[in-house]
């Protein structure tokens, strides 16, 4: 099989209002390969959030095929999709979705509880993930003791703790100031350099510049798909 981690073949998605179909994605085909760093861009209504939901197995296409890691997930039942989400995909959202009563380390370990990992291993893997985002010294702090950028880094660590094959980030800097946004984007760069595949949805050009490939959507179709000759160097 190809080393494409994601293969989309003529992906379509319509929503129904009464008996009227509203097409949102109108036939998207593309491959994303292991260790790529891709930004999805497009104006409001272009279909980028719908595409992100399909990539994240949060929604299924109405037509076409989605192959993730050589598995056809486009026809999977909800239970199987949930399993794929837990094992293959790490999510980072604009809203950090941390539980305020838990420490950073406990928040990061949450996905491992659902995966049935032992407590000892949960602690080890949680600390390892926090180390990747430079926050091991904040592991016992609760979210009200952390800055916005630190909270987003905890959320990134939580997304990494299951060693997913794919990291999906939806407007990950949307709630952060520009200095903190740069710090968070540099972490994504390091994660990608460490071997992860990163797909980022953003409407901000300066954030998209961190990616190595920019796919622009318009009206439910791919308008342009460009590789950058020299990716931004992170220090």
Protein backbone atom coordinates (compact mmCIF):
# COMPACT_ATOMS: atom_id res chain seq x y z
CA UNK A 1 0.00 0.00 0.00
CA UNK A 2 1.06 3.62 -0.37
CA UNK A 3 2.62 5.45 2.56
CA UNK A 4 -0.21 8.00 2.40
CA UNK A 5 -1.53 8.24 5.93
CA UNK A 6 -4.67 9.93 4.53
CA UNK A 7 -6.19 9.19 1.13
CA UNK A 8 -9.33 11.07 0.15
CA UNK A 9 -11.09 9.96 -3.02
CA UNK A 10 -13.86 12.24 -4.29
CA UNK A 11 -15.11 13.07 -0.76
CA UNK A 12 -18.56 14.64 -0.73
CA UNK A 13 -20.64 15.85 2.17
CA UNK A 14 -24.17 17.20 2.07
CA UNK A 15 -26.42 18.29 4.88
CA UNK A 16 -30.15 17.92 4.55
CA UNK A 17 -32.71 20.56 5.38
CA UNK A 18 -36.08 18.90 5.01
CA UNK A 19 -35.66 16.96 1.78
CA UNK A 20 -33.27 19.48 0.26
CA UNK A 21 -29.56 18.52 0.10
CA UNK A 22 -27.08 21.33 0.80
CA UNK A 23 -23.68 20.24 -0.63
CA UNK A 24 -20.73 21.41 1.49
CA UNK A 25 -17.90 19.25 0.09
CA UNK A 26 -18.22 18.63 -3.63
CA UNK A 27 -15.55 16.06 -4.45
CA UNK A 28 -12.24 16.42 -2.62
CA UNK A 29 -9.36 14.11 -3.51
CA UNK A 30 -5.90 14.31 -1.96
CA UNK A 31 -3.19 12.30 -0.26
CA UNK A 32 -1.40 13.36 2.91
CA UNK A 33 1.79 11.44 3.64
CA UNK A 34 3.44 10.35 6.85
CA UNK A 35 5.30 13.20 8.58
CA UNK A 36 3.73 15.94 6.43
CA UNK A 37 2.73 19.28 7.92
CA UNK A 38 -0.36 20.58 6.14
CA UNK A 39 -2.46 23.70 6.68
CA UNK A 40 -6.09 23.72 5.48
CA UNK A 41 -7.25 27.22 4.65
CA UNK A 42 -10.28 28.84 3.13
CA UNK A 43 -12.89 31.52 3.71
CA UNK A 44 -15.87 30.93 5.96
CA UNK A 45 -18.21 28.45 4.26
CA UNK A 46 -15.41 26.89 2.16
CA UNK A 47 -15.88 23.50 3.83
CA UNK A 48 -12.62 23.39 5.82
CA UNK A 49 -14.30 22.64 9.18
CA UNK A 50 -16.48 19.93 7.59
CA UNK A 51 -13.37 18.40 6.02
CA UNK A 52 -11.57 18.53 9.38
CA UNK A 53 -14.49 16.69 11.03
CA UNK A 54 -14.30 13.98 8.39
CA UNK A 55 -10.50 13.69 8.72
CA UNK A 56 -10.99 13.37 12.49
CA UNK A 57 -13.66 10.66 12.10
CA UNK A 58 -16.12 12.95 13.91
CA UNK A 59 -18.37 12.81 10.84
CA UNK A 60 -18.74 10.53 7.81
CA UNK A 61 -18.82 11.59 4.16
CA UNK A 62 -22.01 11.20 2.13
CA UNK A 63 -19.95 10.09 -0.86
CA UNK A 64 -16.40 9.08 -1.73
CA UNK A 65 -13.76 7.16 0.17
CA UNK A 66 -11.53 8.05 3.14
CA UNK A 67 -8.61 5.69 3.77
CA UNK A 68 -6.76 6.37 7.05
CA UNK A 69 -3.64 4.28 7.64
CA UNK A 70 -4.81 1.74 5.04
CA UNK A 71 -8.25 1.39 6.69
CA UNK A 72 -11.40 2.50 4.90
CA UNK A 73 -13.07 4.60 7.59
CA UNK A 74 -15.70 6.16 5.32
CA UNK A 75 -18.16 3.31 5.84
CA UNK A 76 -17.40 2.50 9.49
CA UNK A 77 -20.06 2.34 12.20
CA UNK A 78 -19.92 4.89 15.04
CA UNK A 79 -18.34 2.45 17.54
CA UNK A 80 -15.52 1.63 15.14
CA UNK A 81 -14.99 5.32 14.37
CA UNK A 82 -14.70 6.05 18.09
CA UNK A 83 -12.00 3.36 18.34
CA UNK A 84 -10.11 4.93 15.41
CA UNK A 85 -10.37 8.40 17.02
CA UNK A 86 -8.95 7.09 20.30
CA UNK A 87 -6.04 5.19 18.78
CA UNK A 88 -5.06 6.97 15.56
CA UNK A 89 -5.89 10.65 16.03
CA UNK A 90 -4.88 13.40 18.46
CA UNK A 91 -7.07 16.51 18.54
CA UNK A 92 -6.16 20.07 19.51
CA UNK A 93 -9.04 22.55 19.49
CA UNK A 94 -9.35 26.32 19.82
CA UNK A 95 -11.22 25.74 23.11
CA UNK A 96 -8.77 23.90 25.32
CA UNK A 97 -11.39 21.59 26.92
CA UNK A 98 -9.30 20.87 30.02
CA UNK A 99 -11.04 19.73 33.20
CA UNK A 100 -10.37 22.47 35.79
CA UNK A 101 -10.28 20.17 38.84
CA UNK A 102 -7.52 18.00 37.39
CA UNK A 103 -3.80 18.77 37.26
CA UNK A 104 -2.02 19.15 33.94
CA UNK A 105 -0.69 15.58 34.21
CA UNK A 106 -4.16 14.19 35.01
CA UNK A 107 -5.70 16.05 32.07
CA UNK A 108 -3.04 14.67 29.73
CA UNK A 109 -3.61 11.13 31.03
CA UNK A 110 -7.39 11.17 30.42
CA UNK A 111 -7.35 9.50 26.98
CA UNK A 112 -5.29 6.65 28.48
CA UNK A 113 -8.00 5.91 31.04
CA UNK A 114 -10.45 5.32 28.18
CA UNK A 115 -7.81 3.13 26.51
CA UNK A 116 -7.51 0.97 29.66
CA UNK A 117 -3.84 1.76 30.36
CA UNK A 118 -2.53 1.00 33.88
CA UNK A 119 -2.06 3.88 36.32
CA UNK A 120 1.73 3.55 36.44
CA UNK A 121 2.00 3.67 32.65
CA UNK A 122 -0.50 6.55 32.48
CA UNK A 123 1.72 8.65 34.75
CA UNK A 124 4.87 7.82 32.76
CA UNK A 125 3.29 8.56 29.39
CA UNK A 126 1.62 11.72 30.65
CA UNK A 127 4.96 13.08 31.91
CA UNK A 128 6.65 12.11 28.63
CA UNK A 129 4.00 14.03 26.64
CA UNK A 130 4.34 17.09 28.92
CA UNK A 131 8.09 16.96 28.39
CA UNK A 132 7.56 17.15 24.61
CA UNK A 133 5.75 20.47 25.06
CA UNK A 134 8.22 21.78 27.69
CA UNK A 135 5.82 21.66 30.64
CA UNK A 136 7.02 18.82 32.85
CA UNK A 137 7.71 21.35 35.63
CA UNK A 138 4.01 22.36 35.59
CA UNK A 139 2.60 18.83 35.75
CA UNK A 140 0.93 19.29 39.18
CA UNK A 141 -0.62 22.67 38.38
CA UNK A 142 -4.34 23.03 37.69
CA UNK A 143 -5.52 25.04 34.70
CA UNK A 144 -6.31 28.16 36.76
CA UNK A 145 -2.59 28.26 37.68
CA UNK A 146 -1.47 28.19 34.04
CA UNK A 147 -1.32 30.84 31.30
CA UNK A 148 -3.35 30.51 28.08
CA UNK A 149 -0.30 29.32 26.18
CA UNK A 150 0.55 26.75 28.87
CA UNK A 151 -3.04 25.47 28.84
CA UNK A 152 -2.88 25.01 25.06
CA UNK A 153 0.42 23.16 25.47
CA UNK A 154 -1.24 20.82 28.00
CA UNK A 155 -3.97 20.25 25.39
CA UNK A 156 -1.29 19.41 22.80
CA UNK A 157 0.35 16.98 25.25
CA UNK A 158 -3.04 15.33 25.79
CA UNK A 159 -3.41 14.94 22.02
CA UNK A 160 0.03 13.28 21.84
CA UNK A 161 -0.30 10.89 24.78
CA UNK A 162 -1.79 8.03 22.72
CA UNK A 163 1.05 8.26 20.16
CA UNK A 164 -1.45 9.00 17.38
CA UNK A 165 -0.47 8.64 13.72
CA UNK A 166 -2.20 11.94 12.99
CA UNK A 167 -2.41 15.22 14.92
CA UNK A 168 -5.36 17.46 13.94
CA UNK A 169 -5.39 21.06 15.14
CA UNK A 170 -8.46 23.25 14.59
CA UNK A 171 -7.62 26.98 14.88
CA UNK A 172 -5.20 26.09 17.72
CA UNK A 173 -4.05 29.70 18.20
CA UNK A 174 -7.52 31.27 17.89
CA UNK A 175 -7.66 32.21 21.60
CA UNK A 176 -4.00 33.20 22.01
CA UNK A 177 -2.08 36.44 21.60
CA UNK A 178 0.51 36.66 18.84
CA UNK A 179 3.59 35.96 21.01
CA UNK A 180 1.97 32.88 22.56
CA UNK A 181 0.76 31.78 19.11
CA UNK A 182 4.36 31.72 17.89
CA UNK A 183 5.40 29.57 20.88
CA UNK A 184 2.57 27.10 20.24
CA UNK A 185 3.33 26.92 16.51
CA UNK A 186 6.98 26.21 17.25
CA UNK A 187 5.85 23.25 19.35
CA UNK A 188 3.83 21.89 16.41
CA UNK A 189 6.97 22.23 14.29
CA UNK A 190 8.99 20.19 16.79
CA UNK A 191 6.24 17.55 16.97
CA UNK A 192 6.29 17.22 13.18
CA UNK A 193 10.10 17.03 13.18
CA UNK A 194 9.75 14.24 15.73
CA UNK A 195 7.88 12.13 13.17
CA UNK A 196 4.21 13.05 13.59
CA UNK A 197 1.86 14.03 10.77
CA UNK A 198 0.22 17.39 11.52
CA UNK A 199 -2.89 18.83 9.83
CA UNK A 200 -3.88 22.32 10.89
CA UNK A 201 -7.04 24.31 10.10
CA UNK A 202 -6.51 28.07 10.22
CA UNK A 203 -7.76 31.24 8.57
CA UNK A 204 -4.60 33.15 9.52
CA UNK A 205 -1.93 33.41 6.83
CA UNK A 206 0.93 33.91 9.32
CA UNK A 207 -0.05 30.71 11.14
CA UNK A 208 -0.38 28.72 7.89
CA UNK A 209 3.17 29.75 6.97
CA UNK A 210 4.51 27.34 9.58
CA UNK A 211 3.16 24.40 7.57
CA UNK A 212 5.10 22.86 4.67
CA UNK A 213 2.04 22.49 2.44
CA UNK A 214 -1.03 24.71 2.17
CA UNK A 215 -4.32 23.40 0.81
CA UNK A 216 -6.87 26.13 0.10
CA UNK A 217 -10.54 25.27 -0.17
CA UNK A 218 -13.24 27.32 -1.83
CA UNK A 219 -16.90 26.38 -2.23
CA UNK A 220 -16.32 22.78 -1.16
CA UNK A 221 -13.46 22.09 -3.58
CA UNK A 222 -9.66 22.27 -3.44
CA UNK A 223 -8.71 25.57 -5.04
CA UNK A 224 -4.93 25.25 -4.67
CA UNK A 225 -2.55 22.73 -3.09
CA UNK A 226 0.98 24.07 -2.80
CA UNK A 227 4.19 22.74 -1.27
CA UNK A 228 6.59 25.30 0.15
CA UNK A 229 10.11 25.20 -1.20
CA UNK A 230 11.66 26.14 2.13
CA UNK A 231 9.69 25.50 5.26
CA UNK A 232 9.92 28.01 8.08
CA UNK A 233 12.86 27.27 10.32
CA UNK A 234 11.98 27.08 14.01
CA UNK A 235 14.66 27.93 16.53
